[in-house]
C-alpha atoms as a PDB file:
ATOM      1  CA  MET A   1     127.454 101.347  63.098  1.00  0.00           C
ATOM      2  CA  ASN A   2     127.442  99.316  66.300  1.00  0.00           C
ATOM      3  CA  VAL A   3     130.615  98.894  68.307  1.00  0.00           C
ATOM      4  CA  LYS A   4     130.931  96.121  70.854  1.00  0.00           C
ATOM      5  CA  ASN A   5     131.873  97.376  74.295  1.00  0.00           C
ATOM      6  CA  THR A   6     131.807  95.936  77.785  1.00  0.00           C
ATOM      7  CA  ILE A   7     130.551  97.916  80.742  1.00  0.00           C
ATOM      8  CA  THR A   8     130.253  97.146  84.429  1.00  0.00           C
ATOM      9  CA  LEU A   9     127.092  98.096  86.307  1.00  0.00           C
ATOM     10  CA  SER A  10     126.610  98.183  90.046  1.00  0.00           C
ATOM     11  CA  ASP A  11     124.185  95.585  91.429  1.00  0.00           C
ATOM     12  CA  ARG A  12     121.590  98.311  91.937  1.00  0.00           C
ATOM     13  CA  TYR A  13     121.634  99.473  88.310  1.00  0.00           C
ATOM     14  CA  LEU A  14     121.827  95.955  86.920  1.00  0.00           C
ATOM     15  CA  ARG A  15     118.822  94.782  88.980  1.00  0.00           C
ATOM     16  CA  TYR A  16     116.833  97.808  87.873  1.00  0.00           C
ATOM     17  CA  ALA A  17     117.740  97.299  84.202  1.00  0.00           C
ATOM     18  CA  GLU A  18     116.865  93.593  84.439  1.00  0.00           C
ATOM     19  CA  ARG A  19     113.499  94.461  85.982  1.00  0.00           C
ATOM     20  CA  LEU A  20     112.751  96.885  83.116  1.00  0.00           C
ATOM     21  CA  VAL A  21     113.534  94.117  80.632  1.00  0.00           C
ATOM     22  CA  GLU A  22     111.471  91.548  82.566  1.00  0.00           C
ATOM     23  CA  ASP A  23     108.534  93.995  82.690  1.00  0.00           C
ATOM     24  CA  GLY A  24     108.729  94.286  78.907  1.00  0.00           C
ATOM     25  CA  GLN A  25     109.619  97.989  78.906  1.00  0.00           C
ATOM     26  CA  PHE A  26     112.853  97.293  77.016  1.00  0.00           C
ATOM     27  CA  PRO A  27     113.955  94.347  74.887  1.00  0.00           C
ATOM     28  CA  SER A  28     117.447  94.191  76.426  1.00  0.00           C
ATOM     29  CA  ILE A  29     119.749  95.741  78.995  1.00  0.00           C
ATOM     30  CA  GLU A  30     121.644  97.313  76.094  1.00  0.00           C
ATOM     31  CA  LYS A  31     118.485  99.228  75.134  1.00  0.00           C
ATOM     32  CA  VAL A  32     118.027 100.385  78.747  1.00  0.00           C
ATOM     33  CA  VAL A  33     121.545 101.842  78.725  1.00  0.00           C
ATOM     34  CA  GLU A  34     120.948 103.452  75.317  1.00  0.00           C
ATOM     35  CA  ALA A  35     117.739 105.060  76.613  1.00  0.00           C
ATOM     36  CA  GLY A  36     119.665 106.547  79.530  1.00  0.00           C
ATOM     37  CA  ILE A  37     122.312 107.961  77.208  1.00  0.00           C
ATOM     38  CA  ASP A  38     119.577 109.335  74.902  1.00  0.00           C
ATOM     39  CA  GLU A  39     118.089 111.145  77.889  1.00  0.00           C
ATOM     40  CA  LEU A  40     121.471 112.694  78.700  1.00  0.00           C
ATOM     41  CA  LEU A  41     121.884 113.781  75.066  1.00  0.00           C
ATOM     42  CA  ARG A  42     118.441 115.450  75.112  1.00  0.00           C
ATOM     43  CA  ALA A  43     119.291 117.235  78.359  1.00  0.00           C
ATOM     44  CA  ASP A  44     122.506 118.554  76.805  1.00  0.00           C
ATOM     45  CA  GLN A  45     120.512 120.045  73.915  1.00  0.00           C
ATOM     46  CA  LEU A  46     118.239 122.072  76.198  1.00  0.00           C
ATOM     47  CA  THR A  47     118.997 125.671  76.972  1.00  0.00           C
ATOM     48  CA  PRO A  48     119.509 126.390  80.679  1.00  0.00           C
ATOM     49  CA  GLU A  49     116.048 127.985  80.798  1.00  0.00           C
ATOM     50  CA  GLN A  50     114.421 124.947  79.182  1.00  0.00           C
ATOM     51  CA  ASN A  51     116.346 122.587  81.432  1.00  0.00           C
ATOM     52  CA  ASP A  52     115.219 124.548  84.519  1.00  0.00           C
ATOM     53  CA  ALA A  53     111.604 124.391  83.346  1.00  0.00           C
ATOM     54  CA  VAL A  54     111.811 120.639  82.691  1.00  0.00           C
ATOM     55  CA  THR A  55     113.436 120.078  86.073  1.00  0.00           C
ATOM     56  CA  ARG A  56     110.776 122.140  87.836  1.00  0.00           C
ATOM     57  CA  MET A  57     108.029 120.277  85.993  1.00  0.00           C
ATOM     58  CA  GLY A  58     109.550 116.947  87.040  1.00  0.00           C
ATOM     59  CA  ASP A  59     109.792 118.156  90.642  1.00  0.00           C
ATOM     60  CA  GLU A  60     106.144 119.239  90.572  1.00  0.00           C
ATOM     61  CA  ILE A  61     105.014 115.907  89.137  1.00  0.00           C
ATOM     62  CA  ARG A  62     106.930 114.026  91.835  1.00  0.00           C
ATOM     63  CA  ARG A  63     105.452 116.305  94.520  1.00  0.00           C
ATOM     64  CA  ARG A  64     101.922 115.699  93.268  1.00  0.00           C
ATOM     65  CA  MET A  65     102.452 111.950  93.062  1.00  0.00           C
ATOM     66  CA  GLU A  66     103.273 111.940  96.772  1.00  0.00           C
ATOM     67  CA  LEU A  67      99.896 113.447  97.655  1.00  0.00           C
ATOM     68  CA  PRO A  68      97.362 111.168  99.382  1.00  0.00           C
ATOM     69  CA  LEU A  69      94.944 109.584  96.901  1.00  0.00           C
ATOM     70  CA  ASP A  70      91.994 111.561  98.281  1.00  0.00           C
ATOM     71  CA  GLN A  71      93.673 114.736  97.016  1.00  0.00           C
ATOM     72  CA  TRP A  72      94.038 113.488  93.445  1.00  0.00           C
ATOM     73  CA  ILE A  73      91.772 114.914  90.755  1.00  0.00           C
ATOM     74  CA  PRO A  74      89.661 112.212  89.105  1.00  0.00           C
ATOM     75  CA  TRP A  75      90.599 111.527  85.492  1.00  0.00           C
ATOM     76  CA  ASP A  76      87.974 111.008  82.837  1.00  0.00           C
ATOM     77  CA  GLY A  77      89.893 110.831  79.592  1.00  0.00           C
ATOM     78  CA  GLU A  78      86.832 110.991  77.339  1.00  0.00           C
ATOM     79  CA  SER A  79      85.352 114.161  78.851  1.00  0.00           C
ATOM     80  CA  MET A  80      88.839 115.704  79.038  1.00  0.00           C
ATOM     81  CA  ALA A  81      89.339 115.024  75.311  1.00  0.00           C
ATOM     82  CA  GLU A  82      85.954 116.600  74.554  1.00  0.00           C
ATOM     83  CA  GLU A  83      86.873 119.722  76.551  1.00  0.00           C
ATOM     84  CA  ILE A  84      90.193 120.057  74.759  1.00  0.00           C
ATOM     85  CA  LYS A  85      88.574 119.586  71.346  1.00  0.00           C
ATOM     86  CA  ALA A  86      85.951 122.233  72.159  1.00  0.00           C
ATOM     87  CA  LYS A  87      88.656 124.714  73.222  1.00  0.00           C
ATOM     88  CA  LEU A  88      90.697 124.027  70.088  1.00  0.00           C
ATOM     89  CA  ASP A  89      87.600 124.431  67.896  1.00  0.00           C
ATOM     90  CA  GLU A  90      86.881 127.788  69.559  1.00  0.00           C
ATOM     91  CA  MET A  91      90.484 128.940  69.086  1.00  0.00           C
ATOM     92  CA  HIS A  92      90.328 128.083  65.385  1.00  0.00           C
ATOM     93  CA  LYS A  93      86.978 129.854  65.032  1.00  0.00           C
ATOM     94  CA  ASN A  94      88.380 133.022  66.642  1.00  0.00           C
ATOM     95  CA  ARG A  95      91.391 133.046  64.297  1.00  0.00           C
ATOM     96  CA  GLY A  96      89.365 132.620  61.107  1.00  0.00           C
END
């Protein structure tokens, strides 16, 4: 059931939400707000240990994204997928 409600957003949050809608990431500002609330609900469901791990992972990702481009590892999705498939095949072979 949907309930109509009115909220007030600061200029900063409204501009950001509008940009997400303009970029096609969300169909409406309402959906942007719902996504934020969903994220808070998921965080509430994590144990403190899980939440710490997720926070640390997010911190590490942000740290790595700030590295100069010459320190980034090149990404070749096809060869990476082949490596993962080979490792999974070997794991299944060792179990059987």
